[in-house]
PDB file of N, CA and C in Angstrom:
ATOM      1  N   MET A   1      17.579  89.352  74.807  1.00  0.00           N
ATOM      2  CA  MET A   1      17.179  89.640  76.168  1.00  0.00           C
ATOM      3  C   MET A   1      16.095  90.704  76.129  1.00  0.00           C
ATOM      4  N   LYS A   2      15.167  90.588  77.068  1.00  0.00           N
ATOM      5  CA  LYS A   2      14.099  91.582  77.140  1.00  0.00           C
ATOM      6  C   LYS A   2      14.019  92.140  78.558  1.00  0.00           C
ATOM      7  N   LEU A   3      13.972  93.474  78.639  1.00  0.00           N
ATOM      8  CA  LEU A   3      13.804  94.176  79.905  1.00  0.00           C
ATOM      9  C   LEU A   3      12.342  94.569  80.062  1.00  0.00           C
ATOM     10  N   ALA A   4      11.842  94.541  81.278  1.00  0.00           N
ATOM     11  CA  ALA A   4      10.514  95.058  81.594  1.00  0.00           C
ATOM     12  C   ALA A   4      10.693  96.209  82.578  1.00  0.00           C
ATOM     13  N   ILE A   5      10.007  97.333  82.303  1.00  0.00           N
ATOM     14  CA  ILE A   5      10.115  98.516  83.157  1.00  0.00           C
ATOM     15  C   ILE A   5       8.707  99.060  83.394  1.00  0.00           C
ATOM     16  N   PRO A   6       8.257  99.160  84.655  1.00  0.00           N
ATOM     17  CA  PRO A   6       6.945  99.747  84.926  1.00  0.00           C
ATOM     18  C   PRO A   6       7.008 101.262  84.717  1.00  0.00           C
ATOM     19  N   VAL A   7       6.075 101.793  83.938  1.00  0.00           N
ATOM     20  CA  VAL A   7       6.127 103.215  83.586  1.00  0.00           C
ATOM     21  C   VAL A   7       4.777 103.900  83.788  1.00  0.00           C
ATOM     22  N   MET A   8       4.830 105.241  83.790  1.00  0.00           N
ATOM     23  CA  MET A   8       3.650 106.058  84.056  1.00  0.00           C
ATOM     24  C   MET A   8       2.830 106.402  82.813  1.00  0.00           C
ATOM     25  N   SER A   9       3.410 106.242  81.612  1.00  0.00           N
ATOM     26  CA  SER A   9       2.700 106.621  80.388  1.00  0.00           C
ATOM     27  C   SER A   9       3.105 105.699  79.247  1.00  0.00           C
ATOM     28  N   ASP A  10       2.465 105.879  78.114  1.00  0.00           N
ATOM     29  CA  ASP A  10       2.809 105.084  76.935  1.00  0.00           C
ATOM     30  C   ASP A  10       3.685 105.886  75.972  1.00  0.00           C
ATOM     31  N   ASN A  11       4.593 106.693  76.522  1.00  0.00           N
ATOM     32  CA  ASN A  11       5.469 107.562  75.726  1.00  0.00           C
ATOM     33  C   ASN A  11       6.769 106.893  75.293  1.00  0.00           C
ATOM     34  N   GLY A  12       6.791 105.584  75.206  1.00  0.00           N
ATOM     35  CA  GLY A  12       7.970 104.879  74.717  1.00  0.00           C
ATOM     36  C   GLY A  12       9.208 105.162  75.546  1.00  0.00           C
ATOM     37  N   PHE A  13      10.296 105.529  74.871  1.00  0.00           N
ATOM     38  CA  PHE A  13      11.563 105.769  75.562  1.00  0.00           C
ATOM     39  C   PHE A  13      11.530 106.999  76.470  1.00  0.00           C
ATOM     40  N   ASP A  14      10.530 107.861  76.303  1.00  0.00           N
ATOM     41  CA  ASP A  14      10.416 109.057  77.140  1.00  0.00           C
ATOM     42  C   ASP A  14       9.526 108.845  78.361  1.00  0.00           C
ATOM     43  N   ALA A  15       8.954 107.665  78.513  1.00  0.00           N
ATOM     44  CA  ALA A  15       8.092 107.377  79.661  1.00  0.00           C
ATOM     45  C   ALA A  15       8.921 107.336  80.942  1.00  0.00           C
ATOM     46  N   GLU A  16       8.376 107.920  81.998  1.00  0.00           N
ATOM     47  CA  GLU A  16       9.022 107.919  83.317  1.00  0.00           C
ATOM     48  C   GLU A  16       8.683 106.634  84.058  1.00  0.00           C
ATOM     49  N   ILE A  17       9.650 106.127  84.807  1.00  0.00           N
ATOM     50  CA  ILE A  17       9.432 104.927  85.607  1.00  0.00           C
ATOM     51  C   ILE A  17       8.370 105.208  86.667  1.00  0.00           C
ATOM     52  N   SER A  18       7.587 104.198  86.979  1.00  0.00           N
ATOM     53  CA  SER A  18       6.563 104.299  88.013  1.00  0.00           C
ATOM     54  C   SER A  18       7.207 104.161  89.392  1.00  0.00           C
ATOM     55  N   GLU A  19       6.617 104.798  90.366  1.00  0.00           N
ATOM     56  CA  GLU A  19       7.127 104.728  91.738  1.00  0.00           C
ATOM     57  C   GLU A  19       7.128 103.283  92.255  1.00  0.00           C
ATOM     58  N   HIS A  20       6.112 102.508  91.898  1.00  0.00           N
ATOM     59  CA  HIS A  20       6.029 101.117  92.353  1.00  0.00           C
ATOM     60  C   HIS A  20       5.484 100.257  91.226  1.00  0.00           C
ATOM     61  N   PHE A  21       6.136  99.150  90.959  1.00  0.00           N
ATOM     62  CA  PHE A  21       5.780  98.324  89.800  1.00  0.00           C
ATOM     63  C   PHE A  21       4.321  97.873  89.823  1.00  0.00           C
ATOM     64  N   GLY A  22       3.795  97.537  90.977  1.00  0.00           N
ATOM     65  CA  GLY A  22       2.445  96.990  91.069  1.00  0.00           C
ATOM     66  C   GLY A  22       1.342  97.961  90.740  1.00  0.00           C
ATOM     67  N   HIS A  23       1.632  99.250  90.817  1.00  0.00           N
ATOM     68  CA  HIS A  23       0.617 100.263  90.536  1.00  0.00           C
ATOM     69  C   HIS A  23       0.893 101.002  89.238  1.00  0.00           C
ATOM     70  N   ALA A  24       1.830 100.528  88.455  1.00  0.00           N
ATOM     71  CA  ALA A  24       2.177 101.180  87.185  1.00  0.00           C
ATOM     72  C   ALA A  24       1.031 101.018  86.195  1.00  0.00           C
ATOM     73  N   PRO A  25       0.647 102.096  85.521  1.00  0.00           N
ATOM     74  CA  PRO A  25      -0.408 101.969  84.519  1.00  0.00           C
ATOM     75  C   PRO A  25       0.055 101.251  83.247  1.00  0.00           C
ATOM     76  N   TYR A  26       1.378 101.233  83.017  1.00  0.00           N
ATOM     77  CA  TYR A  26       1.929 100.623  81.803  1.00  0.00           C
ATOM     78  C   TYR A  26       3.227  99.882  82.126  1.00  0.00           C
ATOM     79  N   PHE A  27       3.618  99.010  81.200  1.00  0.00           N
ATOM     80  CA  PHE A  27       4.937  98.385  81.233  1.00  0.00           C
ATOM     81  C   PHE A  27       5.610  98.605  79.897  1.00  0.00           C
ATOM     82  N   ALA A  28       6.871  99.026  79.945  1.00  0.00           N
ATOM     83  CA  ALA A  28       7.693  99.111  78.740  1.00  0.00           C
ATOM     84  C   ALA A  28       8.496  97.823  78.653  1.00  0.00           C
ATOM     85  N   PHE A  29       8.552  97.259  77.460  1.00  0.00           N
ATOM     86  CA  PHE A  29       9.351  96.065  77.195  1.00  0.00           C
ATOM     87  C   PHE A  29      10.398  96.443  76.163  1.00  0.00           C
ATOM     88  N   VAL A  30      11.667  96.307  76.539  1.00  0.00           N
ATOM     89  CA  VAL A  30      12.776  96.716  75.675  1.00  0.00           C
ATOM     90  C   VAL A  30      13.557  95.478  75.268  1.00  0.00           C
ATOM     91  N   GLU A  31      13.633  95.251  73.971  1.00  0.00           N
ATOM     92  CA  GLU A  31      14.340  94.096  73.413  1.00  0.00           C
ATOM     93  C   GLU A  31      15.781  94.485  73.125  1.00  0.00           C
ATOM     94  N   LEU A  32      16.721  93.685  73.641  1.00  0.00           N
ATOM     95  CA  LEU A  32      18.149  93.936  73.450  1.00  0.00           C
ATOM     96  C   LEU A  32      18.807  92.756  72.748  1.00  0.00           C
ATOM     97  N   ASP A  33      19.818  93.072  71.962  1.00  0.00           N
ATOM     98  CA  ASP A  33      20.708  92.057  71.397  1.00  0.00           C
ATOM     99  C   ASP A  33      22.116  92.520  71.735  1.00  0.00           C
ATOM    100  N   GLY A  34      22.663  91.991  72.830  1.00  0.00           N
ATOM    101  CA  GLY A  34      23.942  92.498  73.325  1.00  0.00           C
ATOM    102  C   GLY A  34      23.777  93.941  73.765  1.00  0.00           C
ATOM    103  N   ASP A  35      24.570  94.844  73.178  1.00  0.00           N
ATOM    104  CA  ASP A  35      24.492  96.270  73.515  1.00  0.00           C
ATOM    105  C   ASP A  35      23.566  97.044  72.587  1.00  0.00           C
ATOM    106  N   THR A  36      22.863  96.339  71.719  1.00  0.00           N
ATOM    107  CA  THR A  36      22.008  96.994  70.737  1.00  0.00           C
ATOM    108  C   THR A  36      20.548  96.928  71.163  1.00  0.00           C
ATOM    109  N   VAL A  37      19.880  98.073  71.153  1.00  0.00           N
ATOM    110  CA  VAL A  37      18.450  98.128  71.431  1.00  0.00           C
ATOM    111  C   VAL A  37      17.719  97.822  70.130  1.00  0.00           C
ATOM    112  N   LEU A  38      16.953  96.748  70.126  1.00  0.00           N
ATOM    113  CA  LEU A  38      16.220  96.345  68.928  1.00  0.00           C
ATOM    114  C   LEU A  38      14.871  97.040  68.822  1.00  0.00           C
ATOM    115  N   GLY A  39      14.326  97.459  69.960  1.00  0.00           N
ATOM    116  CA  GLY A  39      13.034  98.133  69.946  1.00  0.00           C
ATOM    117  C   GLY A  39      12.388  98.103  71.307  1.00  0.00           C
ATOM    118  N   ALA A  40      11.294  98.830  71.397  1.00  0.00           N
ATOM    119  CA  ALA A  40      10.553  98.893  72.653  1.00  0.00           C
ATOM    120  C   ALA A  40       9.062  98.974  72.358  1.00  0.00           C
ATOM    121  N   THR A  41       8.294  98.345  73.212  1.00  0.00           N
ATOM    122  CA  THR A  41       6.842  98.453  73.151  1.00  0.00           C
ATOM    123  C   THR A  41       6.351  98.822  74.543  1.00  0.00           C
ATOM    124  N   VAL A  42       5.205  99.477  74.595  1.00  0.00           N
ATOM    125  CA  VAL A  42       4.585  99.816  75.874  1.00  0.00           C
ATOM    126  C   VAL A  42       3.179  99.231  75.864  1.00  0.00           C
ATOM    127  N   GLU A  43       2.842  98.534  76.937  1.00  0.00           N
ATOM    128  CA  GLU A  43       1.524  97.918  77.054  1.00  0.00           C
ATOM    129  C   GLU A  43       0.850  98.378  78.334  1.00  0.00           C
ATOM    130  N   LYS A  44      -0.473  98.531  78.264  1.00  0.00           N
ATOM    131  CA  LYS A  44      -1.251  98.841  79.462  1.00  0.00           C
ATOM    132  C   LYS A  44      -1.104  97.673  80.435  1.00  0.00           C
ATOM    133  N   ASN A  45      -0.946  97.989  81.694  1.00  0.00           N
ATOM    134  CA  ASN A  45      -0.823  96.967  82.732  1.00  0.00           C
ATOM    135  C   ASN A  45      -2.189  96.309  82.946  1.00  0.00           C
ATOM    136  N   PRO A  46      -2.352  95.049  82.551  1.00  0.00           N
ATOM    137  CA  PRO A  46      -3.649  94.396  82.726  1.00  0.00           C
ATOM    138  C   PRO A  46      -3.926  93.996  84.178  1.00  0.00           C
ATOM    139  N   PHE A  47      -2.932  94.153  85.042  1.00  0.00           N
ATOM    140  CA  PHE A  47      -3.074  93.738  86.436  1.00  0.00           C
ATOM    141  C   PHE A  47      -2.781  94.881  87.402  1.00  0.00           C
ATOM    142  N   GLU A  48      -3.215  96.099  87.039  1.00  0.00           N
ATOM    143  CA  GLU A  48      -2.951  97.253  87.909  1.00  0.00           C
ATOM    144  C   GLU A  48      -3.554  97.030  89.301  1.00  0.00           C
ATOM    145  N   ARG A  49      -4.672  96.347  89.364  1.00  0.00           N
ATOM    146  CA  ARG A  49      -5.255  95.944  90.644  1.00  0.00           C
ATOM    147  C   ARG A  49      -5.060  94.430  90.723  1.00  0.00           C
ATOM    148  N   HIS A  50      -3.894  94.042  91.185  1.00  0.00           N
ATOM    149  CA  HIS A  50      -3.423  92.671  91.054  1.00  0.00           C
ATOM    150  C   HIS A  50      -3.468  91.870  92.342  1.00  0.00           C
ATOM    151  N   GLY A  51      -3.440  90.563  92.147  1.00  0.00           N
ATOM    152  CA  GLY A  51      -3.254  89.631  93.246  1.00  0.00           C
ATOM    153  C   GLY A  51      -1.819  89.140  93.222  1.00  0.00           C
ATOM    154  N   PRO A  52      -1.370  88.501  94.287  1.00  0.00           N
ATOM    155  CA  PRO A  52       0.011  88.019  94.350  1.00  0.00           C
ATOM    156  C   PRO A  52       0.361  87.113  93.167  1.00  0.00           C
ATOM    157  N   GLY A  53       1.466  87.410  92.537  1.00  0.00           N
ATOM    158  CA  GLY A  53       1.977  86.579  91.459  1.00  0.00           C
ATOM    159  C   GLY A  53       1.455  86.889  90.069  1.00  0.00           C
ATOM    160  N   GLU A  54       0.403  87.698  89.948  1.00  0.00           N
ATOM    161  CA  GLU A  54      -0.165  87.971  88.619  1.00  0.00           C
ATOM    162  C   GLU A  54       0.789  88.763  87.729  1.00  0.00           C
ATOM    163  N   ILE A  55       1.388  89.816  88.260  1.00  0.00           N
ATOM    164  CA  ILE A  55       2.299  90.622  87.436  1.00  0.00           C
ATOM    165  C   ILE A  55       3.570  89.842  87.098  1.00  0.00           C
ATOM    166  N   PRO A  56       4.200  89.141  88.039  1.00  0.00           N
ATOM    167  CA  PRO A  56       5.365  88.339  87.647  1.00  0.00           C
ATOM    168  C   PRO A  56       5.035  87.325  86.544  1.00  0.00           C
ATOM    169  N   ASN A  57       3.869  86.701  86.622  1.00  0.00           N
ATOM    170  CA  ASN A  57       3.456  85.758  85.587  1.00  0.00           C
ATOM    171  C   ASN A  57       3.282  86.476  84.244  1.00  0.00           C
ATOM    172  N   TYR A  58       2.682  87.655  84.264  1.00  0.00           N
ATOM    173  CA  TYR A  58       2.495  88.463  83.050  1.00  0.00           C
ATOM    174  C   TYR A  58       3.844  88.845  82.434  1.00  0.00           C
ATOM    175  N   ILE A  59       4.764  89.343  83.254  1.00  0.00           N
ATOM    176  CA  ILE A  59       6.096  89.742  82.771  1.00  0.00           C
ATOM    177  C   ILE A  59       6.812  88.528  82.173  1.00  0.00           C
ATOM    178  N   HIS A  60       6.709  87.399  82.845  1.00  0.00           N
ATOM    179  CA  HIS A  60       7.305  86.156  82.346  1.00  0.00           C
ATOM    180  C   HIS A  60       6.694  85.762  80.996  1.00  0.00           C
ATOM    181  N   SER A  61       5.374  85.901  80.869  1.00  0.00           N
ATOM    182  CA  SER A  61       4.704  85.524  79.616  1.00  0.00           C
ATOM    183  C   SER A  61       5.132  86.403  78.446  1.00  0.00           C
ATOM    184  N   LYS A  62       5.646  87.594  78.740  1.00  0.00           N
ATOM    185  CA  LYS A  62       6.121  88.511  77.703  1.00  0.00           C
ATOM    186  C   LYS A  62       7.569  88.230  77.312  1.00  0.00           C
ATOM    187  N   GLY A  63       8.209  87.286  77.996  1.00  0.00           N
ATOM    188  CA  GLY A  63       9.575  86.901  77.650  1.00  0.00           C
ATOM    189  C   GLY A  63      10.662  87.741  78.291  1.00  0.00           C
ATOM    190  N   ALA A  64      10.293  88.592  79.250  1.00  0.00           N
ATOM    191  CA  ALA A  64      11.299  89.423  79.920  1.00  0.00           C
ATOM    192  C   ALA A  64      12.108  88.575  80.893  1.00  0.00           C
ATOM    193  N   THR A  65      13.404  88.854  80.949  1.00  0.00           N
ATOM    194  CA  THR A  65      14.286  88.154  81.882  1.00  0.00           C
ATOM    195  C   THR A  65      14.837  89.086  82.957  1.00  0.00           C
ATOM    196  N   VAL A  66      14.571  90.391  82.800  1.00  0.00           N
ATOM    197  CA  VAL A  66      15.014  91.389  83.776  1.00  0.00           C
ATOM    198  C   VAL A  66      13.870  92.366  84.010  1.00  0.00           C
ATOM    199  N   LEU A  67      13.558  92.633  85.280  1.00  0.00           N
ATOM    200  CA  LEU A  67      12.619  93.686  85.658  1.00  0.00           C
ATOM    201  C   LEU A  67      13.438  94.796  86.283  1.00  0.00           C
ATOM    202  N   ILE A  68      13.326  95.998  85.734  1.00  0.00           N
ATOM    203  CA  ILE A  68      13.988  97.163  86.320  1.00  0.00           C
ATOM    204  C   ILE A  68      12.883  98.038  86.879  1.00  0.00           C
ATOM    205  N   THR A  69      12.929  98.277  88.176  1.00  0.00           N
ATOM    206  CA  THR A  69      11.839  98.966  88.847  1.00  0.00           C
ATOM    207  C   THR A  69      12.375  99.980  89.843  1.00  0.00           C
ATOM    208  N   ARG A  70      11.506 100.806  90.338  1.00  0.00           N
ATOM    209  CA  ARG A  70      11.880 101.756  91.388  1.00  0.00           C
ATOM    210  C   ARG A  70      11.668 101.090  92.738  1.00  0.00           C
ATOM    211  N   GLY A  71      10.413 100.768  93.048  1.00  0.00           N
ATOM    212  CA  GLY A  71      10.103 100.161  94.335  1.00  0.00           C
ATOM    213  C   GLY A  71       9.455  98.802  94.172  1.00  0.00           C
ATOM    214  N   ILE A  72       9.830  97.881  95.064  1.00  0.00           N
ATOM    215  CA  ILE A  72       9.279  96.525  95.030  1.00  0.00           C
ATOM    216  C   ILE A  72       9.594  95.858  96.367  1.00  0.00           C
ATOM    217  N   GLY A  73       8.662  95.071  96.849  1.00  0.00           N
ATOM    218  CA  GLY A  73       8.860  94.384  98.117  1.00  0.00           C
ATOM    219  C   GLY A  73       9.519  93.024  97.958  1.00  0.00           C
ATOM    220  N   ALA A  74       9.951  92.470  99.075  1.00  0.00           N
ATOM    221  CA  ALA A  74      10.670  91.192  99.082  1.00  0.00           C
ATOM    222  C   ALA A  74       9.808  90.045  98.560  1.00  0.00           C
ATOM    223  N   ARG A  75       8.534  90.042  98.893  1.00  0.00           N
ATOM    224  CA  ARG A  75       7.650  88.962  98.437  1.00  0.00           C
ATOM    225  C   ARG A  75       7.523  88.983  96.915  1.00  0.00           C
ATOM    226  N   ALA A  76       7.364  90.171  96.345  1.00  0.00           N
ATOM    227  CA  ALA A  76       7.263  90.287  94.888  1.00  0.00           C
ATOM    228  C   ALA A  76       8.569  89.864  94.218  1.00  0.00           C
ATOM    229  N   ILE A  77       9.693  90.249  94.806  1.00  0.00           N
ATOM    230  CA  ILE A  77      10.988  89.834  94.250  1.00  0.00           C
ATOM    231  C   ILE A  77      11.065  88.311  94.203  1.00  0.00           C
ATOM    232  N   ALA A  78      10.614  87.648  95.259  1.00  0.00           N
ATOM    233  CA  ALA A  78      10.635  86.183  95.298  1.00  0.00           C
ATOM    234  C   ALA A  78       9.776  85.588  94.180  1.00  0.00           C
ATOM    235  N   PHE A  79       8.617  86.191  93.908  1.00  0.00           N
ATOM    236  CA  PHE A  79       7.773  85.720  92.801  1.00  0.00           C
ATOM    237  C   PHE A  79       8.519  85.843  91.474  1.00  0.00           C
ATOM    238  N   PHE A  80       9.140  87.006  91.242  1.00  0.00           N
ATOM    239  CA  PHE A  80       9.881  87.199  89.992  1.00  0.00           C
ATOM    240  C   PHE A  80      11.026  86.196  89.876  1.00  0.00           C
ATOM    241  N   GLU A  81      11.761  86.005  90.956  1.00  0.00           N
ATOM    242  CA  GLU A  81      12.889  85.071  90.932  1.00  0.00           C
ATOM    243  C   GLU A  81      12.428  83.646  90.660  1.00  0.00           C
ATOM    244  N   SER A  82      11.217  83.299  91.112  1.00  0.00           N
ATOM    245  CA  SER A  82      10.699  81.949  90.847  1.00  0.00           C
ATOM    246  C   SER A  82      10.462  81.720  89.354  1.00  0.00           C
ATOM    247  N   PHE A  83      10.321  82.797  88.589  1.00  0.00           N
ATOM    248  CA  PHE A  83      10.179  82.725  87.130  1.00  0.00           C
ATOM    249  C   PHE A  83      11.520  82.924  86.419  1.00  0.00           C
ATOM    250  N   GLY A  84      12.598  83.053  87.191  1.00  0.00           N
ATOM    251  CA  GLY A  84      13.913  83.268  86.590  1.00  0.00           C
ATOM    252  C   GLY A  84      14.129  84.691  86.111  1.00  0.00           C
ATOM    253  N   ILE A  85      13.361  85.627  86.650  1.00  0.00           N
ATOM    254  CA  ILE A  85      13.474  87.037  86.267  1.00  0.00           C
ATOM    255  C   ILE A  85      14.326  87.762  87.303  1.00  0.00           C
ATOM    256  N   HIS A  86      15.413  88.362  86.839  1.00  0.00           N
ATOM    257  CA  HIS A  86      16.304  89.131  87.708  1.00  0.00           C
ATOM    258  C   HIS A  86      15.672  90.497  87.970  1.00  0.00           C
ATOM    259  N   VAL A  87      15.661  90.941  89.230  1.00  0.00           N
ATOM    260  CA  VAL A  87      15.056  92.219  89.605  1.00  0.00           C
ATOM    261  C   VAL A  87      16.142  93.217  89.975  1.00  0.00           C
ATOM    262  N   VAL A  88      16.078  94.384  89.344  1.00  0.00           N
ATOM    263  CA  VAL A  88      16.949  95.509  89.685  1.00  0.00           C
ATOM    264  C   VAL A  88      16.030  96.590  90.226  1.00  0.00           C
ATOM    265  N   ARG A  89      16.243  97.005  91.484  1.00  0.00           N
ATOM    266  CA  ARG A  89      15.349  98.010  92.072  1.00  0.00           C
ATOM    267  C   ARG A  89      16.101  99.289  92.395  1.00  0.00           C
ATOM    268  N   GLY A  90      15.328 100.357  92.559  1.00  0.00           N
ATOM    269  CA  GLY A  90      15.904 101.652  92.900  1.00  0.00           C
ATOM    270  C   GLY A  90      16.179 102.525  91.696  1.00  0.00           C
ATOM    271  N   ALA A  91      15.736 102.111  90.503  1.00  0.00           N
ATOM    272  CA  ALA A  91      15.991 102.890  89.285  1.00  0.00           C
ATOM    273  C   ALA A  91      15.121 104.142  89.254  1.00  0.00           C
ATOM    274  N   SER A  92      15.548 105.131  88.480  1.00  0.00           N
ATOM    275  CA  SER A  92      14.751 106.343  88.295  1.00  0.00           C
ATOM    276  C   SER A  92      15.008 106.896  86.905  1.00  0.00           C
ATOM    277  N   GLY A  93      14.121 107.801  86.478  1.00  0.00           N
ATOM    278  CA  GLY A  93      14.278 108.448  85.185  1.00  0.00           C
ATOM    279  C   GLY A  93      13.365 107.878  84.122  1.00  0.00           C
ATOM    280  N   THR A  94      13.730 108.139  82.872  1.00  0.00           N
ATOM    281  CA  THR A  94      12.949 107.664  81.735  1.00  0.00           C
ATOM    282  C   THR A  94      13.449 106.291  81.285  1.00  0.00           C
ATOM    283  N   VAL A  95      12.664 105.659  80.442  1.00  0.00           N
ATOM    284  CA  VAL A  95      13.080 104.373  79.875  1.00  0.00           C
ATOM    285  C   VAL A  95      14.430 104.531  79.189  1.00  0.00           C
ATOM    286  N   ARG A  96      14.601 105.603  78.439  1.00  0.00           N
ATOM    287  CA  ARG A  96      15.873 105.860  77.749  1.00  0.00           C
ATOM    288  C   ARG A  96      17.033 105.933  78.743  1.00  0.00           C
ATOM    289  N   ASP A  97      16.861 106.714  79.827  1.00  0.00           N
ATOM    290  CA  ASP A  97      17.906 106.846  80.855  1.00  0.00           C
ATOM    291  C   ASP A  97      18.243 105.491  81.475  1.00  0.00           C
ATOM    292  N   ILE A  98      17.205 104.736  81.783  1.00  0.00           N
ATOM    293  CA  ILE A  98      17.377 103.450  82.456  1.00  0.00           C
ATOM    294  C   ILE A  98      18.096 102.454  81.553  1.00  0.00           C
ATOM    295  N   VAL A  99      17.678 102.381  80.294  1.00  0.00           N
ATOM    296  CA  VAL A  99      18.319 101.452  79.354  1.00  0.00           C
ATOM    297  C   VAL A  99      19.774 101.845  79.131  1.00  0.00           C
ATOM    298  N   ASP A 100      20.038 103.145  78.975  1.00  0.00           N
ATOM    299  CA  ASP A 100      21.423 103.606  78.810  1.00  0.00           C
ATOM    300  C   ASP A 100      22.276 103.208  80.010  1.00  0.00           C
ATOM    301  N   SER A 101      21.743 103.408  81.222  1.00  0.00           N
ATOM    302  CA  SER A 101      22.478 103.035  82.439  1.00  0.00           C
ATOM    303  C   SER A 101      22.692 101.529  82.514  1.00  0.00           C
ATOM    304  N   TYR A 102      21.681 100.767  82.142  1.00  0.00           N
ATOM    305  CA  TYR A 102      21.790  99.306  82.167  1.00  0.00           C
ATOM    306  C   TYR A 102      22.872  98.835  81.199  1.00  0.00           C
ATOM    307  N   LEU A 103      22.841  99.351  79.980  1.00  0.00           N
ATOM    308  CA  LEU A 103      23.804  98.919  78.963  1.00  0.00           C
ATOM    309  C   LEU A 103      25.234  99.343  79.284  1.00  0.00           C
ATOM    310  N   SER A 104      25.384 100.464  79.989  1.00  0.00           N
ATOM    311  CA  SER A 104      26.729 100.930  80.333  1.00  0.00           C
ATOM    312  C   SER A 104      27.247 100.295  81.622  1.00  0.00           C
ATOM    313  N   GLY A 105      26.417  99.466  82.264  1.00  0.00           N
ATOM    314  CA  GLY A 105      26.832  98.792  83.492  1.00  0.00           C
ATOM    315  C   GLY A 105      26.746  99.667  84.724  1.00  0.00           C
ATOM    316  N   ASN A 106      26.046 100.789  84.616  1.00  0.00           N
ATOM    317  CA  ASN A 106      25.949 101.729  85.737  1.00  0.00           C
ATOM    318  C   ASN A 106      24.664 101.603  86.539  1.00  0.00           C
ATOM    319  N   LEU A 107      23.859 100.600  86.254  1.00  0.00           N
ATOM    320  CA  LEU A 107      22.594 100.438  86.964  1.00  0.00           C
ATOM    321  C   LEU A 107      22.741  99.301  87.964  1.00  0.00           C
ATOM    322  N   GLU A 108      22.711  99.646  89.238  1.00  0.00           N
ATOM    323  CA  GLU A 108      22.833  98.661  90.305  1.00  0.00           C
ATOM    324  C   GLU A 108      21.577  98.672  91.145  1.00  0.00           C
ATOM    325  N   SER A 109      21.219  97.518  91.651  1.00  0.00           N
ATOM    326  CA  SER A 109      20.065  97.415  92.525  1.00  0.00           C
ATOM    327  C   SER A 109      20.382  98.105  93.848  1.00  0.00           C
ATOM    328  N   THR A 110      19.487  98.985  94.266  1.00  0.00           N
ATOM    329  CA  THR A 110      19.662  99.717  95.520  1.00  0.00           C
ATOM    330  C   THR A 110      18.375  99.639  96.328  1.00  0.00           C
ATOM    331  N   PRO A 111      18.451  99.866  97.627  1.00  0.00           N
ATOM    332  CA  PRO A 111      17.226  99.883  98.428  1.00  0.00           C
ATOM    333  C   PRO A 111      16.278 100.967  97.923  1.00  0.00           C
ATOM    334  N   TYR A 112      15.016 100.681  98.038  1.00  0.00           N
ATOM    335  CA  TYR A 112      13.969 101.603  97.590  1.00  0.00           C
ATOM    336  C   TYR A 112      13.828 102.765  98.559  1.00  0.00           C
ATOM    337  N   GLU A 113      13.893 103.971  98.029  1.00  0.00           N
ATOM    338  CA  GLU A 113      13.660 105.190  98.808  1.00  0.00           C
ATOM    339  C   GLU A 113      12.510 105.932  98.150  1.00  0.00           C
ATOM    340  N   PRO A 114      11.327 105.991  98.782  1.00  0.00           N
ATOM    341  CA  PRO A 114      10.193 106.656  98.153  1.00  0.00           C
ATOM    342  C   PRO A 114      10.468 108.130  97.885  1.00  0.00           C
ATOM    343  N   ARG A 115       9.950 108.607  96.754  1.00  0.00           N
ATOM    344  CA  ARG A 115      10.094 110.024  96.406  1.00  0.00           C
ATOM    345  C   ARG A 115       9.124 110.879  97.202  1.00  0.00           C
ATOM    346  N   GLU A 116       7.935 110.325  97.473  1.00  0.00           N
ATOM    347  CA  GLU A 116       6.939 111.106  98.195  1.00  0.00           C
ATOM    348  C   GLU A 116       7.247 111.090  99.685  1.00  0.00           C
ATOM    349  N   LYS A 117       7.127 112.249 100.288  1.00  0.00           N
ATOM    350  CA  LYS A 117       7.449 112.385 101.706  1.00  0.00           C
ATOM    351  C   LYS A 117       6.600 111.460 102.577  1.00  0.00           C
ATOM    352  N   PHE A 118       5.334 111.291 102.218  1.00  0.00           N
ATOM    353  CA  PHE A 118       4.439 110.510 103.060  1.00  0.00           C
ATOM    354  C   PHE A 118       4.020 109.207 102.396  1.00  0.00           C
ATOM    355  N   HIS A 119       4.901 108.659 101.566  1.00  0.00           N
ATOM    356  CA  HIS A 119       4.602 107.384 100.895  1.00  0.00           C
ATOM    357  C   HIS A 119       4.447 106.305 101.958  1.00  0.00           C
ATOM    358  N   ASN A 120       3.372 105.582 101.888  1.00  0.00           N
ATOM    359  CA  ASN A 120       3.097 104.530 102.860  1.00  0.00           C
ATOM    360  C   ASN A 120       2.816 103.247 102.117  1.00  0.00           C
ATOM    361  N   HIS A 121       3.672 102.269 102.251  1.00  0.00           N
ATOM    362  CA  HIS A 121       3.492 101.021 101.505  1.00  0.00           C
ATOM    363  C   HIS A 121       3.146  99.895 102.414  1.00  0.00           C
TER     364      HIS A 121
END
C-alpha cells in the first residue's frame, strides 16, 4: 500500500503537512507492507498550479491508494474516489506523526478547519 501526503518541504518524515493538497509544493509517498514502513520519497508537486483532476491523476500514477491531507474540497474528493483513492482529511503534523497515527488506527477523516484565521478557499 502507498500513502500520499501533501507536504511543505522535502524533509522526508520530518516534513509538515500542507494546509491544502492542491497548493502543496511537494508530495510525500510512503510505502507500507502491513504495519511496516518500507520507505518514503518526496517529490516536487508538478501540478502546484493545477487544473481539475491533474493531481488525482498524478497521485494515481504513483500507485498511491490513500491520500492523507489537511484540507480538500468535495469536488477533489470525487476525483480521487474515481481513481479508487481513499481520502482522509483533517490530518496535521509531520509525515512521521501522520503515518504513526494511520498505522495505529488513530487517524480519522474530519472536517477541514483552516489554521489561518483569514483562510479563504
